[in-house]
Amino acid sequence: MAQTDAIRSERINLRLSGTAKRRIEQAASVEGTTVSAFVVSSALESAEKTVRRHETIALAREDAIRFFRALADPPPQDNRLRAALEEHTRRVDSR
């Protein structure tokens, strides 16, 4: 992910072993960049993958068909579903 020209005013401080620091410095050198740029680039790439993995749901074909059928023709609400929805509303702050 490319960095923008936005003003960079936020900091993250971390402690790591000497071995880890030397390895990161070596990797930054091999890439021809600074340690800071290397760490930021690597962390952002990992963050994007992590967020994407948690935002995506993969379903098997049969499960996808079942899901879309339930959306197209939802089952009638019963007392258990109403109670679950009320509990969700009580517990979750959806903004």
PDB file of N, CA and C in Angstrom:
ATOM      1  N   MET A   1       0.856  -1.170   0.000  1.00  0.00           N
ATOM      2  CA  MET A   1       0.000   0.000   0.000  1.00  0.00           C
ATOM      3  C   MET A   1       0.899   1.230   0.000  1.00  0.00           C
ATOM      4  N   ALA A   2       0.699   2.131  -0.940  1.00  0.00           N
ATOM      5  CA  ALA A   2       1.528   3.328  -1.040  1.00  0.00           C
ATOM      6  C   ALA A   2       1.143   4.334   0.026  1.00  0.00           C
ATOM      7  N   GLN A   3       2.171   5.013   0.546  1.00  0.00           N
ATOM      8  CA  GLN A   3       1.890   6.055   1.517  1.00  0.00           C
ATOM      9  C   GLN A   3       1.437   7.300   0.786  1.00  0.00           C
ATOM     10  N   THR A   4       0.578   8.072   1.433  1.00  0.00           N
ATOM     11  CA  THR A   4       0.098   9.301   0.839  1.00  0.00           C
ATOM     12  C   THR A   4       0.987  10.448   1.277  1.00  0.00           C
ATOM     13  N   ASP A   5       0.732  11.630   0.738  1.00  0.00           N
ATOM     14  CA  ASP A   5       1.483  12.819   1.113  1.00  0.00           C
ATOM     15  C   ASP A   5       0.923  13.468   2.372  1.00  0.00           C
ATOM     16  N   ALA A   6      -0.010  12.806   3.048  1.00  0.00           N
ATOM     17  CA  ALA A   6      -0.599  13.355   4.262  1.00  0.00           C
ATOM     18  C   ALA A   6       0.486  13.530   5.322  1.00  0.00           C
ATOM     19  N   ILE A   7       0.271  14.498   6.186  1.00  0.00           N
ATOM     20  CA  ILE A   7       1.219  14.739   7.271  1.00  0.00           C
ATOM     21  C   ILE A   7       1.211  13.545   8.201  1.00  0.00           C
ATOM     22  N   ARG A   8       2.397  13.051   8.507  1.00  0.00           N
ATOM     23  CA  ARG A   8       2.526  11.894   9.388  1.00  0.00           C
ATOM     24  C   ARG A   8       2.851  12.403  10.789  1.00  0.00           C
ATOM     25  N   SER A   9       1.880  12.315  11.679  1.00  0.00           N
ATOM     26  CA  SER A   9       2.081  12.834  13.025  1.00  0.00           C
ATOM     27  C   SER A   9       1.879  11.763  14.102  1.00  0.00           C
ATOM     28  N   GLU A  10       1.469  10.588  13.716  1.00  0.00           N
ATOM     29  CA  GLU A  10       1.212   9.519  14.685  1.00  0.00           C
ATOM     30  C   GLU A  10       2.458   8.646  14.822  1.00  0.00           C
ATOM     31  N   ARG A  11       2.619   8.073  16.013  1.00  0.00           N
ATOM     32  CA  ARG A  11       3.785   7.241  16.279  1.00  0.00           C
ATOM     33  C   ARG A  11       3.356   5.901  16.868  1.00  0.00           C
ATOM     34  N   ILE A  12       4.164   4.907  16.609  1.00  0.00           N
ATOM     35  CA  ILE A  12       4.051   3.607  17.269  1.00  0.00           C
ATOM     36  C   ILE A  12       5.456   3.273  17.769  1.00  0.00           C
ATOM     37  N   ASN A  13       5.575   3.063  19.041  1.00  0.00           N
ATOM     38  CA  ASN A  13       6.856   2.654  19.616  1.00  0.00           C
ATOM     39  C   ASN A  13       6.778   1.178  19.956  1.00  0.00           C
ATOM     40  N   LEU A  14       7.862   0.452  19.698  1.00  0.00           N
ATOM     41  CA  LEU A  14       7.861  -0.957  20.030  1.00  0.00           C
ATOM     42  C   LEU A  14       9.249  -1.397  20.451  1.00  0.00           C
ATOM     43  N   ARG A  15       9.272  -2.457  21.199  1.00  0.00           N
ATOM     44  CA  ARG A  15      10.537  -3.059  21.627  1.00  0.00           C
ATOM     45  C   ARG A  15      10.633  -4.425  20.967  1.00  0.00           C
ATOM     46  N   LEU A  16      11.846  -4.766  20.545  1.00  0.00           N
ATOM     47  CA  LEU A  16      12.062  -6.056  19.927  1.00  0.00           C
ATOM     48  C   LEU A  16      13.467  -6.529  20.245  1.00  0.00           C
ATOM     49  N   SER A  17      13.710  -7.779  20.000  1.00  0.00           N
ATOM     50  CA  SER A  17      15.036  -8.340  20.274  1.00  0.00           C
ATOM     51  C   SER A  17      16.050  -7.784  19.276  1.00  0.00           C
ATOM     52  N   GLY A  18      17.313  -7.870  19.653  1.00  0.00           N
ATOM     53  CA  GLY A  18      18.377  -7.434  18.750  1.00  0.00           C
ATOM     54  C   GLY A  18      18.380  -8.208  17.455  1.00  0.00           C
ATOM     55  N   THR A  19      18.079  -9.504  17.560  1.00  0.00           N
ATOM     56  CA  THR A  19      18.025 -10.354  16.366  1.00  0.00           C
ATOM     57  C   THR A  19      16.932  -9.881  15.414  1.00  0.00           C
ATOM     58  N   ALA A  20      15.761  -9.597  15.962  1.00  0.00           N
ATOM     59  CA  ALA A  20      14.648  -9.134  15.122  1.00  0.00           C
ATOM     60  C   ALA A  20      14.979  -7.788  14.492  1.00  0.00           C
ATOM     61  N   LYS A  21      15.575  -6.889  15.274  1.00  0.00           N
ATOM     62  CA  LYS A  21      15.932  -5.563  14.752  1.00  0.00           C
ATOM     63  C   LYS A  21      16.938  -5.679  13.613  1.00  0.00           C
ATOM     64  N   ARG A  22      17.955  -6.499  13.789  1.00  0.00           N
ATOM     65  CA  ARG A  22      18.961  -6.668  12.738  1.00  0.00           C
ATOM     66  C   ARG A  22      18.341  -7.272  11.476  1.00  0.00           C
ATOM     67  N   ARG A  23      17.413  -8.193  11.642  1.00  0.00           N
ATOM     68  CA  ARG A  23      16.766  -8.819  10.486  1.00  0.00           C
ATOM     69  C   ARG A  23      15.929  -7.802   9.719  1.00  0.00           C
ATOM     70  N   ILE A  24      15.203  -6.966  10.459  1.00  0.00           N
ATOM     71  CA  ILE A  24      14.385  -5.921   9.817  1.00  0.00           C
ATOM     72  C   ILE A  24      15.288  -4.924   9.108  1.00  0.00           C
ATOM     73  N   GLU A  25      16.389  -4.540   9.742  1.00  0.00           N
ATOM     74  CA  GLU A  25      17.340  -3.618   9.108  1.00  0.00           C
ATOM     75  C   GLU A  25      17.913  -4.232   7.832  1.00  0.00           C
ATOM     76  N   GLN A  26      18.226  -5.525   7.879  1.00  0.00           N
ATOM     77  CA  GLN A  26      18.741  -6.215   6.696  1.00  0.00           C
ATOM     78  C   GLN A  26      17.701  -6.211   5.574  1.00  0.00           C
ATOM     79  N   ALA A  27      16.466  -6.518   5.924  1.00  0.00           N
ATOM     80  CA  ALA A  27      15.402  -6.554   4.915  1.00  0.00           C
ATOM     81  C   ALA A  27      15.186  -5.166   4.306  1.00  0.00           C
ATOM     82  N   ALA A  28      15.205  -4.134   5.138  1.00  0.00           N
ATOM     83  CA  ALA A  28      15.039  -2.769   4.626  1.00  0.00           C
ATOM     84  C   ALA A  28      16.179  -2.419   3.681  1.00  0.00           C
ATOM     85  N   SER A  29      17.391  -2.810   4.059  1.00  0.00           N
ATOM     86  CA  SER A  29      18.552  -2.543   3.212  1.00  0.00           C
ATOM     87  C   SER A  29      18.437  -3.243   1.867  1.00  0.00           C
ATOM     88  N   VAL A  30      18.026  -4.506   1.891  1.00  0.00           N
ATOM     89  CA  VAL A  30      17.860  -5.269   0.656  1.00  0.00           C
ATOM     90  C   VAL A  30      16.818  -4.609  -0.253  1.00  0.00           C
ATOM     91  N   GLU A  31      15.764  -4.069   0.360  1.00  0.00           N
ATOM     92  CA  GLU A  31      14.711  -3.399  -0.408  1.00  0.00           C
ATOM     93  C   GLU A  31      15.110  -1.977  -0.816  1.00  0.00           C
ATOM     94  N   GLY A  32      16.197  -1.479  -0.258  1.00  0.00           N
ATOM     95  CA  GLY A  32      16.654  -0.132  -0.603  1.00  0.00           C
ATOM     96  C   GLY A  32      15.787   0.945   0.017  1.00  0.00           C
ATOM     97  N   THR A  33      15.322   0.713   1.224  1.00  0.00           N
ATOM     98  CA  THR A  33      14.439   1.670   1.881  1.00  0.00           C
ATOM     99  C   THR A  33      14.873   1.848   3.334  1.00  0.00           C
ATOM    100  N   THR A  34      14.244   2.766   4.017  1.00  0.00           N
ATOM    101  CA  THR A  34      14.548   2.972   5.424  1.00  0.00           C
ATOM    102  C   THR A  34      13.844   1.919   6.259  1.00  0.00           C
ATOM    103  N   VAL A  35      14.324   1.748   7.478  1.00  0.00           N
ATOM    104  CA  VAL A  35      13.677   0.808   8.396  1.00  0.00           C
ATOM    105  C   VAL A  35      12.240   1.244   8.645  1.00  0.00           C
ATOM    106  N   SER A  36      12.037   2.541   8.875  1.00  0.00           N
ATOM    107  CA  SER A  36      10.674   3.036   9.122  1.00  0.00           C
ATOM    108  C   SER A  36       9.747   2.736   7.953  1.00  0.00           C
ATOM    109  N   ALA A  37      10.202   3.051   6.744  1.00  0.00           N
ATOM    110  CA  ALA A  37       9.367   2.811   5.563  1.00  0.00           C
ATOM    111  C   ALA A  37       9.094   1.321   5.393  1.00  0.00           C
ATOM    112  N   PHE A  38      10.105   0.499   5.650  1.00  0.00           N
ATOM    113  CA  PHE A  38       9.927  -0.945   5.528  1.00  0.00           C
ATOM    114  C   PHE A  38       8.906  -1.463   6.538  1.00  0.00           C
ATOM    115  N   VAL A  39       9.047  -1.025   7.787  1.00  0.00           N
ATOM    116  CA  VAL A  39       8.131  -1.481   8.837  1.00  0.00           C
ATOM    117  C   VAL A  39       6.703  -1.026   8.545  1.00  0.00           C
ATOM    118  N   VAL A  40       6.539   0.235   8.162  1.00  0.00           N
ATOM    119  CA  VAL A  40       5.199   0.745   7.865  1.00  0.00           C
ATOM    120  C   VAL A  40       4.588  -0.019   6.692  1.00  0.00           C
ATOM    121  N   SER A  41       5.355  -0.193   5.626  1.00  0.00           N
ATOM    122  CA  SER A  41       4.852  -0.907   4.452  1.00  0.00           C
ATOM    123  C   SER A  41       4.461  -2.342   4.797  1.00  0.00           C
ATOM    124  N   SER A  42       5.325  -3.034   5.537  1.00  0.00           N
ATOM    125  CA  SER A  42       5.043  -4.423   5.915  1.00  0.00           C
ATOM    126  C   SER A  42       3.830  -4.517   6.831  1.00  0.00           C
ATOM    127  N   ALA A  43       3.757  -3.611   7.800  1.00  0.00           N
ATOM    128  CA  ALA A  43       2.625  -3.634   8.738  1.00  0.00           C
ATOM    129  C   ALA A  43       1.309  -3.333   8.021  1.00  0.00           C
ATOM    130  N   LEU A  44       1.318  -2.361   7.122  1.00  0.00           N
ATOM    131  CA  LEU A  44       0.092  -2.029   6.385  1.00  0.00           C
ATOM    132  C   LEU A  44      -0.356  -3.184   5.498  1.00  0.00           C
ATOM    133  N   GLU A  45       0.593  -3.830   4.846  1.00  0.00           N
ATOM    134  CA  GLU A  45       0.247  -4.980   3.999  1.00  0.00           C
ATOM    135  C   GLU A  45      -0.385  -6.090   4.840  1.00  0.00           C
ATOM    136  N   SER A  46       0.208  -6.371   5.982  1.00  0.00           N
ATOM    137  CA  SER A  46      -0.338  -7.388   6.872  1.00  0.00           C
ATOM    138  C   SER A  46      -1.703  -6.971   7.413  1.00  0.00           C
ATOM    139  N   ALA A  47      -1.850  -5.692   7.754  1.00  0.00           N
ATOM    140  CA  ALA A  47      -3.130  -5.191   8.267  1.00  0.00           C
ATOM    141  C   ALA A  47      -4.229  -5.339   7.218  1.00  0.00           C
ATOM    142  N   GLU A  48      -3.931  -4.995   5.973  1.00  0.00           N
ATOM    143  CA  GLU A  48      -4.919  -5.120   4.901  1.00  0.00           C
ATOM    144  C   GLU A  48      -5.358  -6.575   4.730  1.00  0.00           C
ATOM    145  N   LYS A  49      -4.397  -7.502   4.739  1.00  0.00           N
ATOM    146  CA  LYS A  49      -4.737  -8.924   4.605  1.00  0.00           C
ATOM    147  C   LYS A  49      -5.600  -9.395   5.768  1.00  0.00           C
ATOM    148  N   THR A  50      -5.253  -8.969   6.969  1.00  0.00           N
ATOM    149  CA  THR A  50      -5.993  -9.378   8.159  1.00  0.00           C
ATOM    150  C   THR A  50      -7.421  -8.863   8.112  1.00  0.00           C
ATOM    151  N   VAL A  51      -7.585  -7.587   7.807  1.00  0.00           N
ATOM    152  CA  VAL A  51      -8.922  -6.995   7.752  1.00  0.00           C
ATOM    153  C   VAL A  51      -9.737  -7.652   6.642  1.00  0.00           C
ATOM    154  N   ARG A  52      -9.131  -7.841   5.467  1.00  0.00           N
ATOM    155  CA  ARG A  52      -9.839  -8.471   4.346  1.00  0.00           C
ATOM    156  C   ARG A  52     -10.299  -9.879   4.723  1.00  0.00           C
ATOM    157  N   ARG A  53      -9.434 -10.623   5.411  1.00  0.00           N
ATOM    158  CA  ARG A  53      -9.770 -11.994   5.808  1.00  0.00           C
ATOM    159  C   ARG A  53     -10.953 -12.017   6.777  1.00  0.00           C
ATOM    160  N   HIS A  54     -11.060 -11.013   7.633  1.00  0.00           N
ATOM    161  CA  HIS A  54     -12.144 -10.977   8.613  1.00  0.00           C
ATOM    162  C   HIS A  54     -13.407 -10.323   8.074  1.00  0.00           C
ATOM    163  N   GLU A  55     -13.314  -9.659   6.936  1.00  0.00           N
ATOM    164  CA  GLU A  55     -14.493  -9.032   6.337  1.00  0.00           C
ATOM    165  C   GLU A  55     -15.136  -9.913   5.267  1.00  0.00           C
ATOM    166  N   THR A  56     -14.514 -11.004   4.932  1.00  0.00           N
ATOM    167  CA  THR A  56     -14.989 -11.864   3.855  1.00  0.00           C
ATOM    168  C   THR A  56     -15.492 -13.186   4.419  1.00  0.00           C
ATOM    169  N   ILE A  57     -16.635 -13.610   3.916  1.00  0.00           N
ATOM    170  CA  ILE A  57     -17.183 -14.902   4.301  1.00  0.00           C
ATOM    171  C   ILE A  57     -17.244 -15.751   3.033  1.00  0.00           C
ATOM    172  N   ALA A  58     -16.615 -16.895   3.082  1.00  0.00           N
ATOM    173  CA  ALA A  58     -16.649 -17.810   1.937  1.00  0.00           C
ATOM    174  C   ALA A  58     -17.581 -18.962   2.272  1.00  0.00           C
ATOM    175  N   LEU A  59     -18.500 -19.228   1.376  1.00  0.00           N
ATOM    176  CA  LEU A  59     -19.466 -20.311   1.581  1.00  0.00           C
ATOM    177  C   LEU A  59     -19.311 -21.353   0.482  1.00  0.00           C
ATOM    178  N   ALA A  60     -19.543 -22.583   0.845  1.00  0.00           N
ATOM    179  CA  ALA A  60     -19.637 -23.639  -0.155  1.00  0.00           C
ATOM    180  C   ALA A  60     -20.890 -23.364  -0.986  1.00  0.00           C
ATOM    181  N   ARG A  61     -20.932 -23.878  -2.180  1.00  0.00           N
ATOM    182  CA  ARG A  61     -22.056 -23.611  -3.090  1.00  0.00           C
ATOM    183  C   ARG A  61     -23.401 -23.917  -2.432  1.00  0.00           C
ATOM    184  N   GLU A  62     -23.513 -25.068  -1.801  1.00  0.00           N
ATOM    185  CA  GLU A  62     -24.777 -25.465  -1.169  1.00  0.00           C
ATOM    186  C   GLU A  62     -25.173 -24.468  -0.070  1.00  0.00           C
ATOM    187  N   ASP A  63     -24.211 -24.048   0.724  1.00  0.00           N
ATOM    188  CA  ASP A  63     -24.498 -23.085   1.796  1.00  0.00           C
ATOM    189  C   ASP A  63     -24.877 -21.720   1.227  1.00  0.00           C
ATOM    190  N   ALA A  64     -24.232 -21.310   0.143  1.00  0.00           N
ATOM    191  CA  ALA A  64     -24.561 -20.031  -0.492  1.00  0.00           C
ATOM    192  C   ALA A  64     -25.992 -20.058  -1.021  1.00  0.00           C
ATOM    193  N   ILE A  65     -26.377 -21.156  -1.640  1.00  0.00           N
ATOM    194  CA  ILE A  65     -27.753 -21.286  -2.155  1.00  0.00           C
ATOM    195  C   ILE A  65     -28.745 -21.216  -1.003  1.00  0.00           C
ATOM    196  N   ARG A  66     -28.468 -21.924   0.082  1.00  0.00           N
ATOM    197  CA  ARG A  66     -29.344 -21.907   1.253  1.00  0.00           C
ATOM    198  C   ARG A  66     -29.456 -20.493   1.825  1.00  0.00           C
ATOM    199  N   PHE A  67     -28.333 -19.789   1.892  1.00  0.00           N
ATOM    200  CA  PHE A  67     -28.315 -18.420   2.417  1.00  0.00           C
ATOM    201  C   PHE A  67     -29.175 -17.497   1.557  1.00  0.00           C
ATOM    202  N   PHE A  68     -28.982 -17.530   0.237  1.00  0.00           N
ATOM    203  CA  PHE A  68     -29.742 -16.645  -0.641  1.00  0.00           C
ATOM    204  C   PHE A  68     -31.230 -16.998  -0.682  1.00  0.00           C
ATOM    205  N   ARG A  69     -31.557 -18.270  -0.546  1.00  0.00           N
ATOM    206  CA  ARG A  69     -32.970 -18.652  -0.462  1.00  0.00           C
ATOM    207  C   ARG A  69     -33.601 -18.086   0.810  1.00  0.00           C
ATOM    208  N   ALA A  70     -32.853 -18.119   1.921  1.00  0.00           N
ATOM    209  CA  ALA A  70     -33.372 -17.568   3.179  1.00  0.00           C
ATOM    210  C   ALA A  70     -33.566 -16.061   3.070  1.00  0.00           C
ATOM    211  N   LEU A  71     -32.697 -15.384   2.324  1.00  0.00           N
ATOM    212  CA  LEU A  71     -32.877 -13.945   2.116  1.00  0.00           C
ATOM    213  C   LEU A  71     -34.099 -13.664   1.255  1.00  0.00           C
ATOM    214  N   ALA A  72     -34.280 -14.474   0.215  1.00  0.00           N
ATOM    215  CA  ALA A  72     -35.391 -14.255  -0.711  1.00  0.00           C
ATOM    216  C   ALA A  72     -36.729 -14.638  -0.080  1.00  0.00           C
ATOM    217  N   ASP A  73     -36.723 -15.646   0.767  1.00  0.00           N
ATOM    218  CA  ASP A  73     -37.963 -16.130   1.375  1.00  0.00           C
ATOM    219  C   ASP A  73     -37.690 -16.451   2.846  1.00  0.00           C
ATOM    220  N   PRO A  74     -37.584 -15.416   3.680  1.00  0.00           N
ATOM    221  CA  PRO A  74     -37.223 -15.657   5.089  1.00  0.00           C
ATOM    222  C   PRO A  74     -38.313 -16.418   5.825  1.00  0.00           C
ATOM    223  N   PRO A  75     -37.906 -17.221   6.796  1.00  0.00           N
ATOM    224  CA  PRO A  75     -38.897 -17.943   7.595  1.00  0.00           C
ATOM    225  C   PRO A  75     -39.671 -16.963   8.472  1.00  0.00           C
ATOM    226  N   PRO A  76     -40.881 -17.309   8.866  1.00  0.00           N
ATOM    227  CA  PRO A  76     -41.640 -16.409   9.735  1.00  0.00           C
ATOM    228  C   PRO A  76     -40.957 -16.277  11.103  1.00  0.00           C
ATOM    229  N   GLN A  77     -41.118 -15.107  11.707  1.00  0.00           N
ATOM    230  CA  GLN A  77     -40.534 -14.896  13.029  1.00  0.00           C
ATOM    231  C   GLN A  77     -41.309 -15.686  14.069  1.00  0.00           C
ATOM    232  N   ASP A  78     -40.562 -16.317  14.941  1.00  0.00           N
ATOM    233  CA  ASP A  78     -41.202 -16.977  16.078  1.00  0.00           C
ATOM    234  C   ASP A  78     -40.701 -16.294  17.352  1.00  0.00           C
ATOM    235  N   ASN A  79     -41.164 -16.762  18.495  1.00  0.00           N
ATOM    236  CA  ASN A  79     -40.797 -16.128  19.764  1.00  0.00           C
ATOM    237  C   ASN A  79     -39.301 -16.177  20.030  1.00  0.00           C
ATOM    238  N   ARG A  80     -38.644 -17.283  19.653  1.00  0.00           N
ATOM    239  CA  ARG A  80     -37.199 -17.395  19.876  1.00  0.00           C
ATOM    240  C   ARG A  80     -36.434 -16.372  19.049  1.00  0.00           C
ATOM    241  N   LEU A  81     -36.849 -16.178  17.788  1.00  0.00           N
ATOM    242  CA  LEU A  81     -36.178 -15.197  16.941  1.00  0.00           C
ATOM    243  C   LEU A  81     -36.410 -13.783  17.470  1.00  0.00           C
ATOM    244  N   ARG A  82     -37.637 -13.478  17.850  1.00  0.00           N
ATOM    245  CA  ARG A  82     -37.917 -12.154  18.424  1.00  0.00           C
ATOM    246  C   ARG A  82     -37.079 -11.896  19.663  1.00  0.00           C
ATOM    247  N   ALA A  83     -36.975 -12.895  20.532  1.00  0.00           N
ATOM    248  CA  ALA A  83     -36.171 -12.756  21.750  1.00  0.00           C
ATOM    249  C   ALA A  83     -34.695 -12.542  21.404  1.00  0.00           C
ATOM    250  N   ALA A  84     -34.212 -13.264  20.410  1.00  0.00           N
ATOM    251  CA  ALA A  84     -32.813 -13.102  19.998  1.00  0.00           C
ATOM    252  C   ALA A  84     -32.570 -11.700  19.440  1.00  0.00           C
ATOM    253  N   LEU A  85     -33.487 -11.186  18.636  1.00  0.00           N
ATOM    254  CA  LEU A  85     -33.351  -9.836  18.082  1.00  0.00           C
ATOM    255  C   LEU A  85     -33.394  -8.779  19.183  1.00  0.00           C
ATOM    256  N   GLU A  86     -34.275  -8.961  20.145  1.00  0.00           N
ATOM    257  CA  GLU A  86     -34.350  -8.031  21.278  1.00  0.00           C
ATOM    258  C   GLU A  86     -33.056  -8.065  22.090  1.00  0.00           C
ATOM    259  N   GLU A  87     -32.528  -9.254  22.304  1.00  0.00           N
ATOM    260  CA  GLU A  87     -31.267  -9.400  23.042  1.00  0.00           C
ATOM    261  C   GLU A  87     -30.125  -8.730  22.279  1.00  0.00           C
ATOM    262  N   HIS A  88     -30.104  -8.911  20.972  1.00  0.00           N
ATOM    263  CA  HIS A  88     -29.076  -8.266  20.140  1.00  0.00           C
ATOM    264  C   HIS A  88     -29.178  -6.751  20.250  1.00  0.00           C
ATOM    265  N   THR A  89     -30.369  -6.223  20.155  1.00  0.00           N
ATOM    266  CA  THR A  89     -30.577  -4.771  20.266  1.00  0.00           C
ATOM    267  C   THR A  89     -30.122  -4.258  21.622  1.00  0.00           C
ATOM    268  N   ARG A  90     -30.376  -5.030  22.636  1.00  0.00           N
ATOM    269  CA  ARG A  90     -29.987  -4.627  23.997  1.00  0.00           C
ATOM    270  C   ARG A  90     -28.472  -4.643  24.180  1.00  0.00           C
ATOM    271  N   ARG A  91     -27.792  -5.632  23.576  1.00  0.00           N
ATOM    272  CA  ARG A  91     -26.358  -5.819  23.802  1.00  0.00           C
ATOM    273  C   ARG A  91     -25.458  -5.067  22.824  1.00  0.00           C
ATOM    274  N   VAL A  92     -25.899  -4.855  21.595  1.00  0.00           N
ATOM    275  CA  VAL A  92     -25.015  -4.343  20.546  1.00  0.00           C
ATOM    276  C   VAL A  92     -25.362  -2.896  20.244  1.00  0.00           C
ATOM    277  N   ASP A  93     -24.339  -2.064  20.237  1.00  0.00           N
ATOM    278  CA  ASP A  93     -24.496  -0.644  19.894  1.00  0.00           C
ATOM    279  C   ASP A  93     -24.201  -0.499  18.408  1.00  0.00           C
ATOM    280  N   SER A  94     -25.231  -0.479  17.571  1.00  0.00           N
ATOM    281  CA  SER A  94     -25.070  -0.362  16.121  1.00  0.00           C
ATOM    282  C   SER A  94     -25.200   1.089  15.711  1.00  0.00           C
ATOM    283  N   ARG A  95     -24.083   1.676  15.406  1.00  0.00           N
ATOM    284  CA  ARG A  95     -24.083   3.092  14.993  1.00  0.00           C
ATOM    285  C   ARG A  95     -23.927   3.248  13.523  1.00  0.00           C
TER     286      ARG A  95
END
